[in-house]
Amino acid sequence: MEAAPTVRWGFSPLDEHLALPPGSLTPRQQEHLVHLASWMPFKRAAQMLEALTGVQVSEATARRQTEQAGRIYEELQNEASRRATNAKEQETAPPSKLAPLVPTGHVCLCCTANGLRCALWP
């Protein structure tokens, strides 16, 4: 009988195929963590996540995840502001230069299998 090959550390191709974000948190756990950390200090949010879901994370992880979500949200707000500014400029432009405008809705920050996402909700 042959010896089994030596085991080595690797990356699961399924993770890559499913476009899972790096780290040990599922998208739902990441969403809960960001939600908690936006309401309370990072350390307390990490403790609450463990109490509610049994998942342990560090204060640094809570900070990183929440700050990443904040950057995404800020980018979305800046884009909405640019669109509003462009819309005002188009209102004063001659009719031939008017372009159809996409209405803006509410901002939705959610965590998906591909990571944190922001979307406009109708």
PDB file of N, CA and C in Angstrom:
ATOM      1  N   MET A   1       0.841  -1.175   0.000  1.00  0.00           N
ATOM      2  CA  MET A   1       0.000   0.000   0.000  1.00  0.00           C
ATOM      3  C   MET A   1       0.892   1.245   0.000  1.00  0.00           C
ATOM      4  N   GLU A   2       0.543   2.214  -0.846  1.00  0.00           N
ATOM      5  CA  GLU A   2       1.328   3.442  -0.957  1.00  0.00           C
ATOM      6  C   GLU A   2       0.987   4.417   0.158  1.00  0.00           C
ATOM      7  N   ALA A   3       1.956   5.237   0.498  1.00  0.00           N
ATOM      8  CA  ALA A   3       1.730   6.274   1.502  1.00  0.00           C
ATOM      9  C   ALA A   3       0.917   7.410   0.881  1.00  0.00           C
ATOM     10  N   ALA A   4       0.090   8.042   1.696  1.00  0.00           N
ATOM     11  CA  ALA A   4      -0.718   9.167   1.227  1.00  0.00           C
ATOM     12  C   ALA A   4       0.192  10.372   0.976  1.00  0.00           C
ATOM     13  N   PRO A   5      -0.154  11.218  -0.001  1.00  0.00           N
ATOM     14  CA  PRO A   5       0.666  12.402  -0.246  1.00  0.00           C
ATOM     15  C   PRO A   5       0.638  13.348   0.958  1.00  0.00           C
ATOM     16  N   THR A   6       1.688  14.115   1.085  1.00  0.00           N
ATOM     17  CA  THR A   6       1.799  15.070   2.174  1.00  0.00           C
ATOM     18  C   THR A   6       0.719  16.149   2.028  1.00  0.00           C
ATOM     19  N   VAL A   7       0.083  16.466   3.137  1.00  0.00           N
ATOM     20  CA  VAL A   7      -0.954  17.490   3.142  1.00  0.00           C
ATOM     21  C   VAL A   7      -0.291  18.864   3.198  1.00  0.00           C
ATOM     22  N   ARG A   8      -0.834  19.801   2.456  1.00  0.00           N
ATOM     23  CA  ARG A   8      -0.310  21.158   2.488  1.00  0.00           C
ATOM     24  C   ARG A   8      -1.473  22.143   2.541  1.00  0.00           C
ATOM     25  N   TRP A   9      -1.173  23.354   2.961  1.00  0.00           N
ATOM     26  CA  TRP A   9      -2.178  24.406   3.064  1.00  0.00           C
ATOM     27  C   TRP A   9      -2.532  24.885   1.664  1.00  0.00           C
ATOM     28  N   GLY A  10      -3.800  25.110   1.404  1.00  0.00           N
ATOM     29  CA  GLY A  10      -4.206  25.561   0.078  1.00  0.00           C
ATOM     30  C   GLY A  10      -5.482  26.360   0.125  1.00  0.00           C
ATOM     31  N   PHE A  11      -5.930  26.755  -1.036  1.00  0.00           N
ATOM     32  CA  PHE A  11      -7.147  27.540  -1.180  1.00  0.00           C
ATOM     33  C   PHE A  11      -8.186  26.691  -1.898  1.00  0.00           C
ATOM     34  N   SER A  12      -9.390  26.676  -1.373  1.00  0.00           N
ATOM     35  CA  SER A  12     -10.442  25.878  -1.979  1.00  0.00           C
ATOM     36  C   SER A  12     -10.921  26.511  -3.283  1.00  0.00           C
ATOM     37  N   PRO A  13     -10.883  25.767  -4.388  1.00  0.00           N
ATOM     38  CA  PRO A  13     -11.385  26.330  -5.645  1.00  0.00           C
ATOM     39  C   PRO A  13     -12.870  26.691  -5.567  1.00  0.00           C
ATOM     40  N   LEU A  14     -13.619  26.002  -4.703  1.00  0.00           N
ATOM     41  CA  LEU A  14     -15.038  26.305  -4.566  1.00  0.00           C
ATOM     42  C   LEU A  14     -15.232  27.713  -3.994  1.00  0.00           C
ATOM     43  N   ASP A  15     -14.386  28.100  -3.029  1.00  0.00           N
ATOM     44  CA  ASP A  15     -14.468  29.458  -2.484  1.00  0.00           C
ATOM     45  C   ASP A  15     -14.298  30.485  -3.594  1.00  0.00           C
ATOM     46  N   GLU A  16     -13.320  30.250  -4.445  1.00  0.00           N
ATOM     47  CA  GLU A  16     -13.061  31.169  -5.550  1.00  0.00           C
ATOM     48  C   GLU A  16     -14.229  31.174  -6.544  1.00  0.00           C
ATOM     49  N   HIS A  17     -14.732  29.989  -6.860  1.00  0.00           N
ATOM     50  CA  HIS A  17     -15.851  29.866  -7.801  1.00  0.00           C
ATOM     51  C   HIS A  17     -17.098  30.585  -7.280  1.00  0.00           C
ATOM     52  N   LEU A  18     -17.348  30.496  -5.981  1.00  0.00           N
ATOM     53  CA  LEU A  18     -18.510  31.146  -5.383  1.00  0.00           C
ATOM     54  C   LEU A  18     -18.259  32.616  -5.058  1.00  0.00           C
ATOM     55  N   ALA A  19     -17.026  33.063  -5.292  1.00  0.00           N
ATOM     56  CA  ALA A  19     -16.622  34.452  -5.028  1.00  0.00           C
ATOM     57  C   ALA A  19     -16.865  34.834  -3.570  1.00  0.00           C
ATOM     58  N   LEU A  20     -16.512  33.922  -2.653  1.00  0.00           N
ATOM     59  CA  LEU A  20     -16.679  34.197  -1.232  1.00  0.00           C
ATOM     60  C   LEU A  20     -15.631  35.201  -0.780  1.00  0.00           C
ATOM     61  N   PRO A  21     -16.018  36.107   0.098  1.00  0.00           N
ATOM     62  CA  PRO A  21     -15.048  37.086   0.585  1.00  0.00           C
ATOM     63  C   PRO A  21     -14.019  36.393   1.474  1.00  0.00           C
ATOM     64  N   PRO A  22     -12.831  36.967   1.581  1.00  0.00           N
ATOM     65  CA  PRO A  22     -11.826  36.360   2.454  1.00  0.00           C
ATOM     66  C   PRO A  22     -12.252  36.480   3.914  1.00  0.00           C
ATOM     67  N   GLY A  23     -11.752  35.604   4.736  1.00  0.00           N
ATOM     68  CA  GLY A  23     -12.077  35.635   6.149  1.00  0.00           C
ATOM     69  C   GLY A  23     -12.990  34.494   6.533  1.00  0.00           C
ATOM     70  N   SER A  24     -13.293  34.430   7.810  1.00  0.00           N
ATOM     71  CA  SER A  24     -14.070  33.309   8.324  1.00  0.00           C
ATOM     72  C   SER A  24     -15.548  33.624   8.513  1.00  0.00           C
ATOM     73  N   LEU A  25     -15.950  34.865   8.318  1.00  0.00           N
ATOM     74  CA  LEU A  25     -17.354  35.232   8.516  1.00  0.00           C
ATOM     75  C   LEU A  25     -18.183  34.955   7.269  1.00  0.00           C
ATOM     76  N   THR A  26     -19.375  34.450   7.476  1.00  0.00           N
ATOM     77  CA  THR A  26     -20.311  34.322   6.369  1.00  0.00           C
ATOM     78  C   THR A  26     -20.834  35.717   6.049  1.00  0.00           C
ATOM     79  N   PRO A  27     -21.406  35.904   4.883  1.00  0.00           N
ATOM     80  CA  PRO A  27     -21.970  37.221   4.573  1.00  0.00           C
ATOM     81  C   PRO A  27     -22.979  37.698   5.611  1.00  0.00           C
ATOM     82  N   ARG A  28     -23.808  36.804   6.119  1.00  0.00           N
ATOM     83  CA  ARG A  28     -24.821  37.191   7.116  1.00  0.00           C
ATOM     84  C   ARG A  28     -24.163  37.616   8.431  1.00  0.00           C
ATOM     85  N   GLN A  29     -23.125  36.881   8.859  1.00  0.00           N
ATOM     86  CA  GLN A  29     -22.415  37.238  10.089  1.00  0.00           C
ATOM     87  C   GLN A  29     -21.718  38.591   9.926  1.00  0.00           C
ATOM     88  N   GLN A  30     -21.152  38.817   8.750  1.00  0.00           N
ATOM     89  CA  GLN A  30     -20.499  40.083   8.471  1.00  0.00           C
ATOM     90  C   GLN A  30     -21.524  41.227   8.531  1.00  0.00           C
ATOM     91  N   GLU A  31     -22.688  41.000   7.994  1.00  0.00           N
ATOM     92  CA  GLU A  31     -23.757  42.005   8.033  1.00  0.00           C
ATOM     93  C   GLU A  31     -24.158  42.312   9.474  1.00  0.00           C
ATOM     94  N   HIS A  32     -24.319  41.268  10.293  1.00  0.00           N
ATOM     95  CA  HIS A  32     -24.667  41.470  11.701  1.00  0.00           C
ATOM     96  C   HIS A  32     -23.581  42.261  12.431  1.00  0.00           C
ATOM     97  N   LEU A  33     -22.323  41.903  12.177  1.00  0.00           N
ATOM     98  CA  LEU A  33     -21.215  42.576  12.836  1.00  0.00           C
ATOM     99  C   LEU A  33     -21.192  44.065  12.495  1.00  0.00           C
ATOM    100  N   VAL A  34     -21.326  44.390  11.227  1.00  0.00           N
ATOM    101  CA  VAL A  34     -21.317  45.799  10.805  1.00  0.00           C
ATOM    102  C   VAL A  34     -22.506  46.543  11.405  1.00  0.00           C
ATOM    103  N   HIS A  35     -23.645  45.904  11.425  1.00  0.00           N
ATOM    104  CA  HIS A  35     -24.831  46.534  12.008  1.00  0.00           C
ATOM    105  C   HIS A  35     -24.599  46.830  13.494  1.00  0.00           C
ATOM    106  N   LEU A  36     -24.100  45.859  14.235  1.00  0.00           N
ATOM    107  CA  LEU A  36     -23.844  46.057  15.665  1.00  0.00           C
ATOM    108  C   LEU A  36     -22.792  47.146  15.898  1.00  0.00           C
ATOM    109  N   ALA A  37     -21.720  47.089  15.114  1.00  0.00           N
ATOM    110  CA  ALA A  37     -20.612  48.031  15.314  1.00  0.00           C
ATOM    111  C   ALA A  37     -20.960  49.449  14.891  1.00  0.00           C
ATOM    112  N   SER A  38     -22.027  49.610  14.140  1.00  0.00           N
ATOM    113  CA  SER A  38     -22.452  50.967  13.802  1.00  0.00           C
ATOM    114  C   SER A  38     -23.289  51.571  14.931  1.00  0.00           C
ATOM    115  N   TRP A  39     -23.667  50.754  15.903  1.00  0.00           N
ATOM    116  CA  TRP A  39     -24.487  51.220  17.023  1.00  0.00           C
ATOM    117  C   TRP A  39     -23.739  51.258  18.353  1.00  0.00           C
ATOM    118  N   MET A  40     -22.604  50.586  18.430  1.00  0.00           N
ATOM    119  CA  MET A  40     -21.896  50.495  19.707  1.00  0.00           C
ATOM    120  C   MET A  40     -20.399  50.397  19.452  1.00  0.00           C
ATOM    121  N   PRO A  41     -19.567  50.531  20.485  1.00  0.00           N
ATOM    122  CA  PRO A  41     -18.119  50.413  20.289  1.00  0.00           C
ATOM    123  C   PRO A  41     -17.746  49.060  19.677  1.00  0.00           C
ATOM    124  N   PHE A  42     -16.635  49.050  18.948  1.00  0.00           N
ATOM    125  CA  PHE A  42     -16.219  47.851  18.219  1.00  0.00           C
ATOM    126  C   PHE A  42     -16.044  46.635  19.136  1.00  0.00           C
ATOM    127  N   LYS A  43     -15.419  46.840  20.279  1.00  0.00           N
ATOM    128  CA  LYS A  43     -15.191  45.725  21.194  1.00  0.00           C
ATOM    129  C   LYS A  43     -16.519  45.141  21.679  1.00  0.00           C
ATOM    130  N   ARG A  44     -17.442  46.014  22.027  1.00  0.00           N
ATOM    131  CA  ARG A  44     -18.766  45.557  22.494  1.00  0.00           C
ATOM    132  C   ARG A  44     -19.519  44.862  21.361  1.00  0.00           C
ATOM    133  N   ALA A  45     -19.381  45.347  20.147  1.00  0.00           N
ATOM    134  CA  ALA A  45     -20.048  44.716  19.001  1.00  0.00           C
ATOM    135  C   ALA A  45     -19.515  43.297  18.797  1.00  0.00           C
ATOM    136  N   ALA A  46     -18.208  43.127  18.945  1.00  0.00           N
ATOM    137  CA  ALA A  46     -17.613  41.785  18.810  1.00  0.00           C
ATOM    138  C   ALA A  46     -18.155  40.860  19.894  1.00  0.00           C
ATOM    139  N   GLN A  47     -18.294  41.383  21.112  1.00  0.00           N
ATOM    140  CA  GLN A  47     -18.849  40.583  22.206  1.00  0.00           C
ATOM    141  C   GLN A  47     -20.313  40.222  21.951  1.00  0.00           C
ATOM    142  N   MET A  48     -21.078  41.177  21.438  1.00  0.00           N
ATOM    143  CA  MET A  48     -22.493  40.920  21.153  1.00  0.00           C
ATOM    144  C   MET A  48     -22.660  39.902  20.031  1.00  0.00           C
ATOM    145  N   LEU A  49     -21.789  39.982  19.004  1.00  0.00           N
ATOM    146  CA  LEU A  49     -21.866  39.006  17.922  1.00  0.00           C
ATOM    147  C   LEU A  49     -21.649  37.599  18.476  1.00  0.00           C
ATOM    148  N   GLU A  50     -20.686  37.458  19.387  1.00  0.00           N
ATOM    149  CA  GLU A  50     -20.440  36.149  19.986  1.00  0.00           C
ATOM    150  C   GLU A  50     -21.633  35.694  20.819  1.00  0.00           C
ATOM    151  N   ALA A  51     -22.214  36.609  21.590  1.00  0.00           N
ATOM    152  CA  ALA A  51     -23.360  36.260  22.423  1.00  0.00           C
ATOM    153  C   ALA A  51     -24.570  35.843  21.583  1.00  0.00           C
ATOM    154  N   LEU A  52     -24.764  36.524  20.442  1.00  0.00           N
ATOM    155  CA  LEU A  52     -25.941  36.261  19.614  1.00  0.00           C
ATOM    156  C   LEU A  52     -25.772  35.083  18.660  1.00  0.00           C
ATOM    157  N   THR A  53     -24.551  34.920  18.131  1.00  0.00           N
ATOM    158  CA  THR A  53     -24.355  33.896  17.092  1.00  0.00           C
ATOM    159  C   THR A  53     -23.336  32.824  17.449  1.00  0.00           C
ATOM    160  N   GLY A  54     -22.579  33.049  18.507  1.00  0.00           N
ATOM    161  CA  GLY A  54     -21.534  32.088  18.878  1.00  0.00           C
ATOM    162  C   GLY A  54     -20.252  32.260  18.073  1.00  0.00           C
ATOM    163  N   VAL A  55     -20.172  33.291  17.264  1.00  0.00           N
ATOM    164  CA  VAL A  55     -19.005  33.536  16.410  1.00  0.00           C
ATOM    165  C   VAL A  55     -18.082  34.529  17.107  1.00  0.00           C
ATOM    166  N   GLN A  56     -16.815  34.154  17.245  1.00  0.00           N
ATOM    167  CA  GLN A  56     -15.848  35.034  17.892  1.00  0.00           C
ATOM    168  C   GLN A  56     -15.070  35.825  16.850  1.00  0.00           C
ATOM    169  N   VAL A  57     -15.004  37.143  17.052  1.00  0.00           N
ATOM    170  CA  VAL A  57     -14.180  38.020  16.223  1.00  0.00           C
ATOM    171  C   VAL A  57     -13.479  38.996  17.148  1.00  0.00           C
ATOM    172  N   SER A  58     -12.413  39.571  16.652  1.00  0.00           N
ATOM    173  CA  SER A  58     -11.666  40.545  17.450  1.00  0.00           C
ATOM    174  C   SER A  58     -12.247  41.942  17.272  1.00  0.00           C
ATOM    175  N   GLU A  59     -11.840  42.822  18.158  1.00  0.00           N
ATOM    176  CA  GLU A  59     -12.216  44.221  18.034  1.00  0.00           C
ATOM    177  C   GLU A  59     -11.688  44.798  16.718  1.00  0.00           C
ATOM    178  N   ALA A  60     -10.480  44.378  16.327  1.00  0.00           N
ATOM    179  CA  ALA A  60      -9.880  44.869  15.077  1.00  0.00           C
ATOM    180  C   ALA A  60     -10.697  44.434  13.860  1.00  0.00           C
ATOM    181  N   THR A  61     -11.208  43.208  13.889  1.00  0.00           N
ATOM    182  CA  THR A  61     -12.046  42.731  12.777  1.00  0.00           C
ATOM    183  C   THR A  61     -13.331  43.546  12.703  1.00  0.00           C
ATOM    184  N   ALA A  62     -13.932  43.808  13.847  1.00  0.00           N
ATOM    185  CA  ALA A  62     -15.149  44.626  13.868  1.00  0.00           C
ATOM    186  C   ALA A  62     -14.862  46.012  13.289  1.00  0.00           C
ATOM    187  N   ARG A  63     -13.735  46.584  13.658  1.00  0.00           N
ATOM    188  CA  ARG A  63     -13.365  47.909  13.157  1.00  0.00           C
ATOM    189  C   ARG A  63     -13.153  47.868  11.644  1.00  0.00           C
ATOM    190  N   ARG A  64     -12.370  46.896  11.158  1.00  0.00           N
ATOM    191  CA  ARG A  64     -12.071  46.795   9.720  1.00  0.00           C
ATOM    192  C   ARG A  64     -13.338  46.630   8.893  1.00  0.00           C
ATOM    193  N   GLN A  65     -14.189  45.711   9.300  1.00  0.00           N
ATOM    194  CA  GLN A  65     -15.417  45.426   8.545  1.00  0.00           C
ATOM    195  C   GLN A  65     -16.339  46.649   8.512  1.00  0.00           C
ATOM    196  N   THR A  66     -16.464  47.322   9.650  1.00  0.00           N
ATOM    197  CA  THR A  66     -17.361  48.475   9.731  1.00  0.00           C
ATOM    198  C   THR A  66     -16.813  49.657   8.945  1.00  0.00           C
ATOM    199  N   GLU A  67     -15.509  49.873   9.027  1.00  0.00           N
ATOM    200  CA  GLU A  67     -14.916  50.972   8.264  1.00  0.00           C
ATOM    201  C   GLU A  67     -15.005  50.715   6.763  1.00  0.00           C
ATOM    202  N   GLN A  68     -14.866  49.452   6.345  1.00  0.00           N
ATOM    203  CA  GLN A  68     -15.021  49.114   4.925  1.00  0.00           C
ATOM    204  C   GLN A  68     -16.446  49.425   4.474  1.00  0.00           C
ATOM    205  N   ALA A  69     -17.421  49.051   5.278  1.00  0.00           N
ATOM    206  CA  ALA A  69     -18.819  49.333   4.934  1.00  0.00           C
ATOM    207  C   ALA A  69     -19.046  50.842   4.868  1.00  0.00           C
ATOM    208  N   GLY A  70     -18.421  51.584   5.771  1.00  0.00           N
ATOM    209  CA  GLY A  70     -18.551  53.043   5.762  1.00  0.00           C
ATOM    210  C   GLY A  70     -17.967  53.664   4.504  1.00  0.00           C
ATOM    211  N   ARG A  71     -16.811  53.137   4.050  1.00  0.00           N
ATOM    212  CA  ARG A  71     -16.208  53.662   2.816  1.00  0.00           C
ATOM    213  C   ARG A  71     -17.115  53.406   1.616  1.00  0.00           C
ATOM    214  N   ILE A  72     -17.695  52.230   1.556  1.00  0.00           N
ATOM    215  CA  ILE A  72     -18.598  51.902   0.446  1.00  0.00           C
ATOM    216  C   ILE A  72     -19.817  52.823   0.473  1.00  0.00           C
ATOM    217  N   TYR A  73     -20.365  53.021   1.662  1.00  0.00           N
ATOM    218  CA  TYR A  73     -21.541  53.886   1.791  1.00  0.00           C
ATOM    219  C   TYR A  73     -21.208  55.329   1.407  1.00  0.00           C
ATOM    220  N   GLU A  74     -20.030  55.786   1.816  1.00  0.00           N
ATOM    221  CA  GLU A  74     -19.609  57.146   1.471  1.00  0.00           C
ATOM    222  C   GLU A  74     -19.455  57.308  -0.045  1.00  0.00           C
ATOM    223  N   GLU A  75     -18.880  56.307  -0.711  1.00  0.00           N
ATOM    224  CA  GLU A  75     -18.750  56.358  -2.169  1.00  0.00           C
ATOM    225  C   GLU A  75     -20.117  56.450  -2.834  1.00  0.00           C
ATOM    226  N   LEU A  76     -21.066  55.702  -2.326  1.00  0.00           N
ATOM    227  CA  LEU A  76     -22.414  55.723  -2.891  1.00  0.00           C
ATOM    228  C   LEU A  76     -23.067  57.093  -2.682  1.00  0.00           C
ATOM    229  N   GLN A  77     -22.879  57.686  -1.508  1.00  0.00           N
ATOM    230  CA  GLN A  77     -23.432  59.016  -1.252  1.00  0.00           C
ATOM    231  C   GLN A  77     -22.798  60.051  -2.178  1.00  0.00           C
ATOM    232  N   ASN A  78     -21.490  59.958  -2.372  1.00  0.00           N
ATOM    233  CA  ASN A  78     -20.808  60.902  -3.261  1.00  0.00           C
ATOM    234  C   ASN A  78     -21.333  60.783  -4.691  1.00  0.00           C
ATOM    235  N   GLU A  79     -21.561  59.553  -5.142  1.00  0.00           N
ATOM    236  CA  GLU A  79     -22.088  59.338  -6.489  1.00  0.00           C
ATOM    237  C   GLU A  79     -23.503  59.911  -6.606  1.00  0.00           C
ATOM    238  N   ALA A  80     -24.323  59.714  -5.588  1.00  0.00           N
ATOM    239  CA  ALA A  80     -25.683  60.269  -5.610  1.00  0.00           C
ATOM    240  C   ALA A  80     -25.631  61.797  -5.639  1.00  0.00           C
ATOM    241  N   SER A  81     -24.687  62.375  -4.914  1.00  0.00           N
ATOM    242  CA  SER A  81     -24.534  63.837  -4.913  1.00  0.00           C
ATOM    243  C   SER A  81     -24.104  64.337  -6.290  1.00  0.00           C
ATOM    244  N   ARG A  82     -23.180  63.626  -6.931  1.00  0.00           N
ATOM    245  CA  ARG A  82     -22.747  64.017  -8.280  1.00  0.00           C
ATOM    246  C   ARG A  82     -23.910  63.947  -9.261  1.00  0.00           C
ATOM    247  N   ARG A  83     -24.723  62.897  -9.143  1.00  0.00           N
ATOM    248  CA  ARG A  83     -25.879  62.776 -10.041  1.00  0.00           C
ATOM    249  C   ARG A  83     -26.870  63.909  -9.815  1.00  0.00           C
ATOM    250  N   ALA A  84     -27.083  64.280  -8.552  1.00  0.00           N
ATOM    251  CA  ALA A  84     -28.018  65.370  -8.252  1.00  0.00           C
ATOM    252  C   ALA A  84     -27.492  66.691  -8.806  1.00  0.00           C
ATOM    253  N   THR A  85     -26.184  66.903  -8.679  1.00  0.00           N
ATOM    254  CA  THR A  85     -25.580  68.123  -9.220  1.00  0.00           C
ATOM    255  C   THR A  85     -25.715  68.156 -10.734  1.00  0.00           C
ATOM    256  N   ASN A  86     -25.451  67.026 -11.380  1.00  0.00           N
ATOM    257  CA  ASN A  86     -25.595  66.946 -12.840  1.00  0.00           C
ATOM    258  C   ASN A  86     -27.042  67.173 -13.264  1.00  0.00           C
ATOM    259  N   ALA A  87     -27.985  66.668 -12.485  1.00  0.00           N
ATOM    260  CA  ALA A  87     -29.401  66.845 -12.816  1.00  0.00           C
ATOM    261  C   ALA A  87     -29.782  68.322 -12.763  1.00  0.00           C
ATOM    262  N   LYS A  88     -29.271  69.040 -11.753  1.00  0.00           N
ATOM    263  CA  LYS A  88     -29.564  70.472 -11.659  1.00  0.00           C
ATOM    264  C   LYS A  88     -28.971  71.221 -12.842  1.00  0.00           C
ATOM    265  N   GLU A  89     -27.763  70.843 -13.234  1.00  0.00           N
ATOM    266  CA  GLU A  89     -27.126  71.486 -14.387  1.00  0.00           C
ATOM    267  C   GLU A  89     -27.916  71.206 -15.661  1.00  0.00           C
ATOM    268  N   GLN A  90     -28.460  69.995 -15.791  1.00  0.00           N
ATOM    269  CA  GLN A  90     -29.220  69.642 -16.990  1.00  0.00           C
ATOM    270  C   GLN A  90     -30.554  70.380 -17.040  1.00  0.00           C
ATOM    271  N   GLU A  91     -31.126  70.678 -15.867  1.00  0.00           N
ATOM    272  CA  GLU A  91     -32.396  71.406 -15.840  1.00  0.00           C
ATOM    273  C   GLU A  91     -32.243  72.798 -16.426  1.00  0.00           C
ATOM    274  N   THR A  92     -31.073  73.397 -16.280  1.00  0.00           N
ATOM    275  CA  THR A  92     -30.848  74.745 -16.802  1.00  0.00           C
ATOM    276  C   THR A  92     -30.249  74.732 -18.204  1.00  0.00           C
ATOM    277  N   ALA A  93     -29.952  73.540 -18.718  1.00  0.00           N
ATOM    278  CA  ALA A  93     -29.361  73.435 -20.060  1.00  0.00           C
ATOM    279  C   ALA A  93     -30.458  73.582 -21.117  1.00  0.00           C
ATOM    280  N   PRO A  94     -30.077  73.934 -22.330  1.00  0.00           N
ATOM    281  CA  PRO A  94     -31.053  73.972 -23.425  1.00  0.00           C
ATOM    282  C   PRO A  94     -31.694  72.598 -23.605  1.00  0.00           C
ATOM    283  N   PRO A  95     -32.940  72.530 -24.070  1.00  0.00           N
ATOM    284  CA  PRO A  95     -33.655  71.252 -24.188  1.00  0.00           C
ATOM    285  C   PRO A  95     -32.897  70.188 -24.989  1.00  0.00           C
ATOM    286  N   SER A  96     -32.112  70.565 -25.970  1.00  0.00           N
ATOM    287  CA  SER A  96     -31.411  69.574 -26.775  1.00  0.00           C
ATOM    288  C   SER A  96     -30.347  68.824 -25.980  1.00  0.00           C
ATOM    289  N   LYS A  97     -29.912  69.389 -24.865  1.00  0.00           N
ATOM    290  CA  LYS A  97     -28.862  68.750 -24.081  1.00  0.00           C
ATOM    291  C   LYS A  97     -29.412  67.981 -22.885  1.00  0.00           C
ATOM    292  N   LEU A  98     -30.720  67.959 -22.724  1.00  0.00           N
ATOM    293  CA  LEU A  98     -31.300  67.224 -21.604  1.00  0.00           C
ATOM    294  C   LEU A  98     -31.169  65.728 -21.829  1.00  0.00           C
ATOM    295  N   ALA A  99     -30.775  65.032 -20.786  1.00  0.00           N
ATOM    296  CA  ALA A  99     -30.641  63.569 -20.856  1.00  0.00           C
ATOM    297  C   ALA A  99     -31.632  62.962 -19.879  1.00  0.00           C
ATOM    298  N   PRO A 100     -32.095  61.761 -20.153  1.00  0.00           N
ATOM    299  CA  PRO A 100     -33.004  61.123 -19.193  1.00  0.00           C
ATOM    300  C   PRO A 100     -32.291  60.898 -17.861  1.00  0.00           C
ATOM    301  N   LEU A 101     -32.989  61.133 -16.785  1.00  0.00           N
ATOM    302  CA  LEU A 101     -32.409  60.981 -15.455  1.00  0.00           C
ATOM    303  C   LEU A 101     -32.905  59.693 -14.821  1.00  0.00           C
ATOM    304  N   VAL A 102     -32.017  59.043 -14.100  1.00  0.00           N
ATOM    305  CA  VAL A 102     -32.394  57.846 -13.350  1.00  0.00           C
ATOM    306  C   VAL A 102     -32.805  58.309 -11.967  1.00  0.00           C
ATOM    307  N   PRO A 103     -34.029  58.001 -11.548  1.00  0.00           N
ATOM    308  CA  PRO A 103     -34.455  58.456 -10.227  1.00  0.00           C
ATOM    309  C   PRO A 103     -33.644  57.762  -9.137  1.00  0.00           C
ATOM    310  N   THR A 104     -33.400  58.478  -8.065  1.00  0.00           N
ATOM    311  CA  THR A 104     -32.667  57.887  -6.949  1.00  0.00           C
ATOM    312  C   THR A 104     -33.647  57.451  -5.895  1.00  0.00           C
ATOM    313  N   GLY A 105     -33.281  56.429  -5.163  1.00  0.00           N
ATOM    314  CA  GLY A 105     -34.135  55.910  -4.106  1.00  0.00           C
ATOM    315  C   GLY A 105     -33.381  55.867  -2.796  1.00  0.00           C
ATOM    316  N   HIS A 106     -33.734  54.934  -1.975  1.00  0.00           N
ATOM    317  CA  HIS A 106     -33.085  54.758  -0.688  1.00  0.00           C
ATOM    318  C   HIS A 106     -31.814  53.936  -0.861  1.00  0.00           C
ATOM    319  N   VAL A 107     -30.854  54.164   0.005  1.00  0.00           N
ATOM    320  CA  VAL A 107     -29.601  53.415  -0.045  1.00  0.00           C
ATOM    321  C   VAL A 107     -29.756  52.142   0.774  1.00  0.00           C
ATOM    322  N   CYS A 108     -29.331  51.047   0.208  1.00  0.00           N
ATOM    323  CA  CYS A 108     -29.383  49.763   0.887  1.00  0.00           C
ATOM    324  C   CYS A 108     -27.960  49.209   0.959  1.00  0.00           C
ATOM    325  N   LEU A 109     -27.438  49.011   2.166  1.00  0.00           N
ATOM    326  CA  LEU A 109     -26.117  48.424   2.366  1.00  0.00           C
ATOM    327  C   LEU A 109     -26.344  46.991   2.802  1.00  0.00           C
ATOM    328  N   CYS A 110     -25.848  46.049   2.017  1.00  0.00           N
ATOM    329  CA  CYS A 110     -26.063  44.658   2.371  1.00  0.00           C
ATOM    330  C   CYS A 110     -24.787  43.857   2.148  1.00  0.00           C
ATOM    331  N   CYS A 111     -24.767  42.716   2.743  1.00  0.00           N
ATOM    332  CA  CYS A 111     -23.609  41.835   2.643  1.00  0.00           C
ATOM    333  C   CYS A 111     -24.020  40.633   1.803  1.00  0.00           C
ATOM    334  N   THR A 112     -23.286  40.386   0.727  1.00  0.00           N
ATOM    335  CA  THR A 112     -23.599  39.270  -0.151  1.00  0.00           C
ATOM    336  C   THR A 112     -22.426  38.306  -0.160  1.00  0.00           C
ATOM    337  N   ALA A 113     -22.566  37.221  -0.898  1.00  0.00           N
ATOM    338  CA  ALA A 113     -21.463  36.272  -1.021  1.00  0.00           C
ATOM    339  C   ALA A 113     -20.246  36.915  -1.669  1.00  0.00           C
ATOM    340  N   ASN A 114     -20.440  38.001  -2.389  1.00  0.00           N
ATOM    341  CA  ASN A 114     -19.331  38.692  -3.030  1.00  0.00           C
ATOM    342  C   ASN A 114     -18.768  39.822  -2.177  1.00  0.00           C
ATOM    343  N   GLY A 115     -19.236  39.977  -0.972  1.00  0.00           N
ATOM    344  CA  GLY A 115     -18.743  41.028  -0.088  1.00  0.00           C
ATOM    345  C   GLY A 115     -19.817  42.083   0.145  1.00  0.00           C
ATOM    346  N   LEU A 116     -19.414  43.181   0.745  1.00  0.00           N
ATOM    347  CA  LEU A 116     -20.348  44.261   1.027  1.00  0.00           C
ATOM    348  C   LEU A 116     -20.768  44.950  -0.252  1.00  0.00           C
ATOM    349  N   ARG A 117     -22.042  45.261  -0.358  1.00  0.00           N
ATOM    350  CA  ARG A 117     -22.578  45.922  -1.533  1.00  0.00           C
ATOM    351  C   ARG A 117     -23.487  47.054  -1.114  1.00  0.00           C
ATOM    352  N   CYS A 118     -23.535  48.072  -1.896  1.00  0.00           N
ATOM    353  CA  CYS A 118     -24.492  49.154  -1.734  1.00  0.00           C
ATOM    354  C   CYS A 118     -25.357  49.197  -2.967  1.00  0.00           C
ATOM    355  N   ALA A 119     -26.615  49.467  -2.782  1.00  0.00           N
ATOM    356  CA  ALA A 119     -27.528  49.534  -3.918  1.00  0.00           C
ATOM    357  C   ALA A 119     -28.571  50.605  -3.650  1.00  0.00           C
ATOM    358  N   LEU A 120     -29.145  51.118  -4.706  1.00  0.00           N
ATOM    359  CA  LEU A 120     -30.261  52.038  -4.575  1.00  0.00           C
ATOM    360  C   LEU A 120     -31.544  51.220  -4.575  1.00  0.00           C
ATOM    361  N   TRP A 121     -32.328  51.397  -3.563  1.00  0.00           N
ATOM    362  CA  TRP A 121     -33.580  50.657  -3.417  1.00  0.00           C
ATOM    363  C   TRP A 121     -34.700  51.541  -3.910  1.00  0.00           C
ATOM    364  N   PRO A 122     -35.545  51.038  -4.804  1.00  0.00           N
ATOM    365  CA  PRO A 122     -36.618  51.896  -5.343  1.00  0.00           C
ATOM    366  C   PRO A 122     -37.581  52.364  -4.280  1.00  0.00           C
TER     367      PRO A 122
END
